[in-house]
């Protein structure tokens, strides 16, 4: 029998730890992975460093008298959309109303939590997982949003699993790009020149795994990587689906219905975590001004499946215009070139992203100047010629 909360991560914020553990015992039996925080400040730190699918928040805890409301305000200000259930005691109806105004999904009275909490948690997460693909297509960076949208649209079972495997590969590739862009170059365990010259789905996953083991890997990379494999035990489902992808590519096997369900559950869980927690902007700067203290960037934000939208970003450091950046909680935007490049269509002015896809092999063989090969991240036709000063084997070789 399938556990209703299998592999779902729940943070419980409550200063009465013994009571909280007793109330959450049924959730643990149904497969939930629980973490506990004794106050709102600790809960905020947990949310910043670990992925969660659901929050259970006690209203009356530190800091202040109503620490649950304090925590909800902080999450709202940070645009964190992880679904929250509030735990209320006697005489806190006014606080519950305020909690709902601060985007809490539901509330459970502590006196009856033993009978209601499991059903409320299961219903909330089921609803969010059901909406996760649509939310991801609306909120995530365009290279990922396009893939989630294509997967959601697919109806034929064979096409759907192919689109799903392409979506998982795109997630791994985008995560690897964040890691390669934010981590000082160093040889990665198990990554050879041949693998980088023609990276496969397995190569992207191994790059992510190797980067995650480095102490100086970037925070944005670690955050995204944790949505896919928050713990070592979560590697096996991804590796199994990589094997399905390889078998399908070589015509050895047809994926089973169970494998299709496994893929769907994984993609929805990643989409849910990403859409709930993503708070950065993938953008292409078009101009930059300096007021003597900070730089103001005019950018085109690449979010969702629609057209890029104009926006502004303030930063302490200058950036190179015309190429993708990630503007996040860090004060300095992260340059994603040469792993991700932007191309503006001359006829329409449309900005499109191109992603690193290996090396362009030539008759001369592998040389320091062997150029990168790129692939589109959207459904458009044709592949424009792009150039970047670091898009060659010499840059790539530092990782092997």
Protein backbone atom coordinates (compact mmCIF):
# COMPACT_ATOMS: atom_id res chain seq x y z
CA UNK A 1 0.00 0.00 0.00
CA UNK A 2 1.37 3.41 -1.03
CA UNK A 3 2.13 5.80 1.80
CA UNK A 4 0.18 9.05 1.38
CA UNK A 5 3.13 11.31 2.21
CA UNK A 6 5.97 9.17 0.87
CA UNK A 7 9.23 11.13 0.51
CA UNK A 8 7.53 14.48 1.15
CA UNK A 9 9.50 16.86 3.31
CA UNK A 10 7.64 18.70 6.09
CA UNK A 11 9.01 21.34 8.46
CA UNK A 12 7.26 21.63 11.81
CA UNK A 13 7.81 24.95 13.63
CA UNK A 14 6.66 24.64 17.25
CA UNK A 15 8.35 25.45 20.56
CA UNK A 16 6.58 22.52 22.26
CA UNK A 17 8.75 19.84 20.68
CA UNK A 18 7.30 16.86 22.52
CA UNK A 19 3.74 17.88 21.60
CA UNK A 20 4.75 18.50 17.98
CA UNK A 21 6.42 15.11 17.65
CA UNK A 22 3.36 13.38 19.09
CA UNK A 23 0.99 15.23 16.74
CA UNK A 24 3.16 14.41 13.72
CA UNK A 25 3.58 10.71 14.42
CA UNK A 26 0.85 9.76 11.88
CA UNK A 27 2.64 11.85 9.23
CA UNK A 28 5.88 9.95 9.82
CA UNK A 29 4.05 6.62 9.53
CA UNK A 30 2.71 7.76 6.14
CA UNK A 31 6.23 8.33 4.82
CA UNK A 32 6.81 12.04 5.54
CA UNK A 33 10.37 13.20 6.24
CA UNK A 34 10.02 15.54 9.20
CA UNK A 35 12.28 18.30 10.50
CA UNK A 36 11.53 20.39 13.58
CA UNK A 37 12.29 23.99 14.52
CA UNK A 38 11.65 25.46 17.98
CA UNK A 39 11.03 29.04 16.81
CA UNK A 40 10.43 31.20 13.77
CA UNK A 41 14.08 32.24 13.38
CA UNK A 42 15.31 28.65 13.28
CA UNK A 43 12.49 27.73 10.90
CA UNK A 44 13.57 30.51 8.53
CA UNK A 45 17.13 29.17 8.55
CA UNK A 46 15.86 25.65 7.83
CA UNK A 47 13.76 26.90 4.90
CA UNK A 48 16.76 28.75 3.50
CA UNK A 49 18.99 25.67 3.55
CA UNK A 50 16.63 22.71 2.98
CA UNK A 51 13.78 21.97 0.56
CA UNK A 52 10.28 21.49 2.00
CA UNK A 53 6.96 20.50 0.48
CA UNK A 54 4.84 21.69 3.40
CA UNK A 55 5.18 23.83 6.54
CA UNK A 56 3.32 23.27 9.82
CA UNK A 57 3.48 26.47 11.86
CA UNK A 58 2.42 26.92 15.47
CA UNK A 59 0.92 30.34 16.06
CA UNK A 60 2.25 30.97 19.56
CA UNK A 61 6.02 30.52 19.64
CA UNK A 62 9.12 32.75 19.63
CA UNK A 63 10.05 35.27 18.40
CA UNK A 64 7.53 37.74 19.82
CA UNK A 65 4.23 36.52 21.24
CA UNK A 66 2.86 35.26 17.92
CA UNK A 67 5.99 33.88 16.23
CA UNK A 68 3.94 31.97 13.68
CA UNK A 69 2.65 35.24 12.25
CA UNK A 70 6.19 36.66 12.32
CA UNK A 71 7.40 33.67 10.28
CA UNK A 72 4.57 33.96 7.74
CA UNK A 73 5.36 37.65 7.24
CA UNK A 74 9.01 36.87 6.58
CA UNK A 75 8.08 34.19 4.06
CA UNK A 76 5.65 36.51 2.29
CA UNK A 77 8.28 39.25 2.04
CA UNK A 78 10.74 36.76 0.57
CA UNK A 79 8.09 35.56 -1.94
CA UNK A 80 8.34 32.03 -0.56
CA UNK A 81 5.25 30.08 -1.60
CA UNK A 82 5.69 26.81 0.30
CA UNK A 83 2.16 25.84 1.44
CA UNK A 84 1.65 26.40 5.18
CA UNK A 85 -0.83 24.96 7.66
CA UNK A 86 -1.11 26.80 10.97
CA UNK A 87 -1.63 25.04 14.29
CA UNK A 88 -3.86 27.09 16.56
CA UNK A 89 -4.88 26.79 20.16
CA UNK A 90 -7.76 28.23 22.15
CA UNK A 91 -8.51 31.93 21.79
CA UNK A 92 -6.42 32.51 18.66
CA UNK A 93 -9.12 33.00 16.01
CA UNK A 94 -7.97 36.53 15.24
CA UNK A 95 -4.44 35.26 14.68
CA UNK A 96 -5.72 32.48 12.41
CA UNK A 97 -7.51 35.05 10.25
CA UNK A 98 -4.29 37.06 10.04
CA UNK A 99 -2.39 33.89 9.13
CA UNK A 100 -4.76 33.20 6.23
CA UNK A 101 -4.27 36.80 5.07
CA UNK A 102 -0.54 36.06 5.07
CA UNK A 103 -1.14 33.16 2.63
CA UNK A 104 -1.44 30.21 5.03
CA UNK A 105 -3.46 27.56 3.22
CA UNK A 106 -5.44 26.15 6.15
CA UNK A 107 -5.46 25.79 9.93
CA UNK A 108 -5.83 22.92 12.35
CA UNK A 109 -6.93 23.28 15.98
CA UNK A 110 -4.37 21.53 18.17
CA UNK A 111 -7.02 19.81 20.27
CA UNK A 112 -8.33 17.94 17.21
CA UNK A 113 -5.06 17.66 15.29
CA UNK A 114 -4.75 13.97 16.12
CA UNK A 115 -7.81 13.22 13.98
CA UNK A 116 -7.44 15.90 11.28
CA UNK A 117 -3.78 16.69 10.68
CA UNK A 118 -2.90 13.78 8.38
CA UNK A 119 -5.90 14.32 6.09
CA UNK A 120 -5.32 18.09 5.91
CA UNK A 121 -1.64 17.63 5.10
CA UNK A 122 -2.33 15.00 2.45
CA UNK A 123 -5.06 17.10 0.83
CA UNK A 124 -2.89 20.23 0.74
CA UNK A 125 0.13 18.52 -0.80
CA UNK A 126 -2.02 16.57 -3.27
CA UNK A 127 -3.60 19.81 -4.49
CA UNK A 128 -0.22 21.51 -4.89
CA UNK A 129 1.33 18.55 -6.71
CA UNK A 130 -1.67 18.52 -9.02
CA UNK A 131 -1.05 22.19 -9.88
CA UNK A 132 2.74 21.94 -9.90
CA UNK A 133 3.34 21.63 -13.65
CA UNK A 134 1.20 24.67 -14.42
CA UNK A 135 2.89 26.67 -11.65
CA UNK A 136 6.33 25.67 -12.93
CA UNK A 137 5.44 26.70 -16.49
CA UNK A 138 4.38 30.11 -15.14
CA UNK A 139 7.06 30.87 -12.51
CA UNK A 140 10.32 29.16 -13.47
CA UNK A 141 13.06 30.43 -15.79
CA UNK A 142 12.05 30.07 -19.42
CA UNK A 143 14.43 27.15 -20.28
CA UNK A 144 12.72 25.06 -17.57
CA UNK A 145 9.23 26.51 -17.99
CA UNK A 146 9.16 25.53 -21.67
CA UNK A 147 9.99 21.93 -20.84
CA UNK A 148 7.45 21.62 -18.04
CA UNK A 149 4.80 23.08 -20.35
CA UNK A 150 5.59 20.58 -23.11
CA UNK A 151 5.41 17.70 -20.64
CA UNK A 152 2.08 18.94 -19.26
CA UNK A 153 0.62 19.19 -22.79
CA UNK A 154 1.61 15.69 -23.86
CA UNK A 155 -1.28 13.21 -23.83
CA UNK A 156 0.02 10.20 -25.77
CA UNK A 157 1.65 7.87 -23.19
CA UNK A 158 4.78 7.20 -25.29
CA UNK A 159 5.27 10.87 -26.11
CA UNK A 160 4.62 11.88 -22.51
CA UNK A 161 7.37 9.72 -21.08
CA UNK A 162 9.80 10.96 -23.74
CA UNK A 163 8.90 14.56 -22.92
CA UNK A 164 9.21 13.77 -19.23
CA UNK A 165 12.71 12.37 -19.65
CA UNK A 166 13.69 15.42 -21.72
CA UNK A 167 12.29 17.61 -18.92
CA UNK A 168 14.34 15.82 -16.26
CA UNK A 169 17.45 16.16 -18.42
CA UNK A 170 16.78 19.89 -18.83
CA UNK A 171 16.46 20.27 -15.05
CA UNK A 172 19.78 18.50 -14.51
CA UNK A 173 21.46 20.55 -17.25
CA UNK A 174 20.18 23.87 -15.85
CA UNK A 175 21.31 22.88 -12.35
CA UNK A 176 24.75 21.96 -13.69
CA UNK A 177 24.96 25.34 -15.47
CA UNK A 178 24.32 27.11 -12.14
CA UNK A 179 27.05 25.03 -10.51
CA UNK A 180 29.62 25.51 -13.27
CA UNK A 181 28.90 29.26 -13.31
CA UNK A 182 29.24 29.77 -9.56
CA UNK A 183 32.05 27.36 -8.58
CA UNK A 184 35.80 27.95 -9.10
CA UNK A 185 37.00 25.49 -11.79
CA UNK A 186 38.41 22.27 -10.42
CA UNK A 187 38.55 18.69 -11.75
CA UNK A 188 35.25 16.94 -11.10
CA UNK A 189 35.19 13.34 -9.94
CA UNK A 190 34.23 10.97 -12.77
CA UNK A 191 34.00 13.69 -15.44
CA UNK A 192 36.29 12.96 -18.42
CA UNK A 193 36.98 15.02 -21.56
CA UNK A 194 34.96 12.59 -23.68
CA UNK A 195 31.93 12.94 -21.42
CA UNK A 196 32.07 16.74 -21.51
CA UNK A 197 32.55 16.78 -25.27
CA UNK A 198 29.18 15.07 -25.74
CA UNK A 199 27.30 15.29 -22.41
CA UNK A 200 24.42 12.91 -21.78
CA UNK A 201 21.69 12.96 -19.15
CA UNK A 202 23.93 10.84 -16.93
CA UNK A 203 26.80 13.28 -17.42
CA UNK A 204 24.68 16.23 -16.25
CA UNK A 205 23.62 14.29 -13.16
CA UNK A 206 27.22 13.31 -12.36
CA UNK A 207 28.36 16.93 -12.81
CA UNK A 208 25.68 18.04 -10.34
CA UNK A 209 26.67 15.33 -7.86
CA UNK A 210 30.38 16.17 -8.12
CA UNK A 211 29.74 19.91 -7.75
CA UNK A 212 27.53 19.33 -4.70
CA UNK A 213 30.48 17.65 -2.94
CA UNK A 214 32.65 20.77 -3.27
CA UNK A 215 32.72 23.13 -0.27
CA UNK A 216 32.72 26.29 -2.41
CA UNK A 217 29.83 25.44 -4.74
CA UNK A 218 27.45 28.38 -5.18
CA UNK A 219 24.39 28.86 -2.95
CA UNK A 220 21.93 29.13 -5.85
CA UNK A 221 23.23 25.85 -7.26
CA UNK A 222 22.94 24.12 -3.88
CA UNK A 223 19.38 25.39 -3.45
CA UNK A 224 18.24 24.08 -6.84
CA UNK A 225 20.17 20.82 -6.51
CA UNK A 226 18.46 20.11 -3.17
CA UNK A 227 15.05 20.19 -4.87
CA UNK A 228 16.13 17.21 -6.99
CA UNK A 229 18.15 15.14 -4.53
CA UNK A 230 17.89 16.56 -1.00
CA UNK A 231 19.53 13.43 0.44
CA UNK A 232 21.84 10.69 -0.81
CA UNK A 233 18.93 8.24 -0.80
CA UNK A 234 17.19 10.39 -3.42
CA UNK A 235 19.88 9.65 -6.02
CA UNK A 236 18.59 6.19 -6.87
CA UNK A 237 15.24 7.25 -8.42
CA UNK A 238 17.06 9.70 -10.70
CA UNK A 239 19.66 7.12 -11.67
CA UNK A 240 16.90 4.62 -12.45
CA UNK A 241 15.25 7.10 -14.81
CA UNK A 242 18.60 7.81 -16.48
CA UNK A 243 18.78 4.07 -17.19
CA UNK A 244 15.26 4.24 -18.67
CA UNK A 245 16.36 7.15 -20.87
CA UNK A 246 19.44 5.26 -22.08
CA UNK A 247 17.46 2.10 -22.83
CA UNK A 248 14.85 4.09 -24.73
CA UNK A 249 17.50 5.97 -26.73
CA UNK A 250 19.13 2.70 -27.82
CA UNK A 251 15.85 0.94 -28.57
CA UNK A 252 16.38 -1.76 -25.96
CA UNK A 253 13.23 -1.37 -23.86
CA UNK A 254 9.85 0.30 -23.76
CA UNK A 255 9.22 2.13 -20.47
CA UNK A 256 6.60 0.55 -18.23
CA UNK A 257 3.57 2.23 -16.70
CA UNK A 258 5.28 2.06 -13.30
CA UNK A 259 8.32 3.89 -14.69
CA UNK A 260 6.06 6.54 -16.21
CA UNK A 261 4.37 7.02 -12.83
CA UNK A 262 7.76 7.22 -11.08
CA UNK A 263 8.87 9.89 -13.55
CA UNK A 264 5.64 11.86 -13.13
CA UNK A 265 5.90 11.83 -9.34
CA UNK A 266 9.51 13.01 -9.45
CA UNK A 267 8.83 15.81 -11.94
CA UNK A 268 5.81 17.04 -9.98
CA UNK A 269 7.76 17.01 -6.72
CA UNK A 270 10.60 19.01 -8.32
CA UNK A 271 8.12 21.39 -9.97
CA UNK A 272 6.32 21.90 -6.65
CA UNK A 273 9.53 22.66 -4.75
CA UNK A 274 10.86 24.92 -7.48
CA UNK A 275 7.64 26.89 -8.00
CA UNK A 276 7.24 27.27 -4.21
CA UNK A 277 10.80 28.38 -3.49
CA UNK A 278 12.26 29.94 -6.64
CA UNK A 279 12.94 33.62 -5.92
CA UNK A 280 15.60 34.55 -8.51
CA UNK A 281 15.37 36.05 -11.99
CA UNK A 282 16.99 34.72 -15.13
CA UNK A 283 17.58 37.91 -17.09
CA UNK A 284 19.51 39.44 -19.96
CA UNK A 285 20.86 42.96 -19.22
CA UNK A 286 20.33 45.40 -22.08
CA UNK A 287 21.89 48.52 -20.52
CA UNK A 288 23.64 49.63 -17.33
CA UNK A 289 23.97 52.93 -15.49
CA UNK A 290 25.99 53.88 -12.40
CA UNK A 291 25.02 56.53 -9.81
CA UNK A 292 28.33 56.51 -7.94
CA UNK A 293 27.22 53.85 -5.45
CA UNK A 294 25.31 51.12 -7.31
CA UNK A 295 24.62 49.91 -10.82
CA UNK A 296 21.11 49.86 -12.26
CA UNK A 297 20.52 47.27 -14.97
CA UNK A 298 17.75 47.42 -17.52
CA UNK A 299 17.01 43.76 -18.18
CA UNK A 300 14.69 41.41 -20.01
CA UNK A 301 13.46 38.79 -17.54
CA UNK A 302 13.07 35.26 -18.94
CA UNK A 303 10.28 33.77 -16.83
CA UNK A 304 7.57 31.34 -17.81
CA UNK A 305 6.61 30.39 -21.35
CA UNK A 306 5.73 33.91 -22.49
CA UNK A 307 7.86 36.65 -24.00
CA UNK A 308 10.68 38.28 -21.99
CA UNK A 309 9.47 41.13 -19.79
CA UNK A 310 11.33 44.42 -19.09
CA UNK A 311 12.58 44.92 -15.54
CA UNK A 312 15.33 46.61 -13.53
CA UNK A 313 17.95 45.11 -11.23
CA UNK A 314 20.15 46.96 -8.73
CA UNK A 315 23.61 45.55 -8.06
CA UNK A 316 26.87 46.50 -6.38
CA UNK A 317 29.02 45.24 -9.29
CA UNK A 318 28.93 45.77 -13.05
CA UNK A 319 27.94 43.00 -15.45
CA UNK A 320 28.40 42.31 -19.15
CA UNK A 321 25.26 43.28 -21.03
CA UNK A 322 23.71 41.00 -23.61
CA UNK A 323 24.34 37.71 -21.81
CA UNK A 324 22.24 35.82 -19.22
CA UNK A 325 22.60 36.48 -15.50
CA UNK A 326 20.89 35.08 -12.44
CA UNK A 327 19.73 37.86 -10.12
CA UNK A 328 18.99 36.32 -6.73
CA UNK A 329 19.49 36.96 -3.02
CA UNK A 330 23.18 37.49 -3.64
CA UNK A 331 24.08 41.16 -4.12
CA UNK A 332 26.11 40.45 -7.27
CA UNK A 333 24.24 38.76 -10.16
CA UNK A 334 25.70 35.48 -11.34
CA UNK A 335 26.92 35.43 -14.94
CA UNK A 336 25.85 32.21 -16.69
CA UNK A 337 28.01 32.62 -19.80
CA UNK A 338 29.47 30.72 -21.57
CA UNK A 339 27.28 27.84 -20.41
CA UNK A 340 24.09 29.74 -21.25
CA UNK A 341 24.07 32.42 -23.95
CA UNK A 342 21.45 34.82 -25.24
CA UNK A 343 20.71 35.55 -28.89
CA UNK A 344 18.51 38.38 -30.14
CA UNK A 345 16.64 37.64 -33.36
CA UNK A 346 17.48 40.53 -35.76
CA UNK A 347 14.07 40.52 -37.45
CA UNK A 348 11.85 40.38 -34.34
CA UNK A 349 14.08 41.44 -31.45
CA UNK A 350 13.07 38.27 -29.60
CA UNK A 351 15.63 37.13 -27.03
CA UNK A 352 16.30 33.39 -26.91
CA UNK A 353 18.53 31.29 -24.69
CA UNK A 354 21.06 28.79 -26.02
CA UNK A 355 22.58 26.17 -23.73
CA UNK A 356 25.95 24.43 -23.77
CA UNK A 357 25.66 21.05 -25.50
CA UNK A 358 29.23 19.81 -25.85
CA UNK A 359 31.98 20.52 -28.37
CA UNK A 360 31.98 21.00 -32.13
CA UNK A 361 34.34 18.28 -33.33
CA UNK A 362 36.60 19.23 -36.24
CA UNK A 363 39.04 17.39 -38.52
CA UNK A 364 41.91 18.74 -36.43
CA UNK A 365 40.58 16.88 -33.38
CA UNK A 366 40.46 18.36 -29.90
CA UNK A 367 42.43 21.62 -29.58
CA UNK A 368 42.34 24.40 -26.95
CA UNK A 369 40.22 26.46 -29.33
CA UNK A 370 37.68 23.74 -30.21
CA UNK A 371 34.40 25.69 -29.87
CA UNK A 372 31.35 24.91 -27.76
CA UNK A 373 28.24 23.50 -29.38
CA UNK A 374 24.88 24.95 -28.28
CA UNK A 375 21.26 23.79 -28.31
CA UNK A 376 18.03 25.76 -28.15
CA UNK A 377 15.98 25.91 -24.96
CA UNK A 378 12.67 26.61 -26.76
CA UNK A 379 10.59 25.21 -29.61
CA UNK A 380 11.99 27.55 -32.25
CA UNK A 381 13.61 26.35 -35.47
CA UNK A 382 17.18 26.86 -36.57
CA UNK A 383 20.26 27.46 -34.48
CA UNK A 384 21.95 30.86 -34.75
CA UNK A 385 25.71 31.19 -34.77
CA UNK A 386 26.92 32.60 -31.44
CA UNK A 387 30.36 33.50 -30.15
CA UNK A 388 31.83 33.96 -26.70
CA UNK A 389 35.45 34.47 -25.76
CA UNK A 390 35.43 31.56 -23.29
CA UNK A 391 33.30 29.11 -25.29
CA UNK A 392 36.05 26.63 -26.15
CA UNK A 393 37.77 23.48 -24.90
CA UNK A 394 40.38 25.38 -22.85
CA UNK A 395 37.57 26.58 -20.55
CA UNK A 396 36.05 23.12 -20.35
CA UNK A 397 39.33 21.32 -19.69
CA UNK A 398 39.72 22.94 -16.26
CA UNK A 399 36.88 20.73 -14.99
CA UNK A 400 38.52 17.43 -16.02
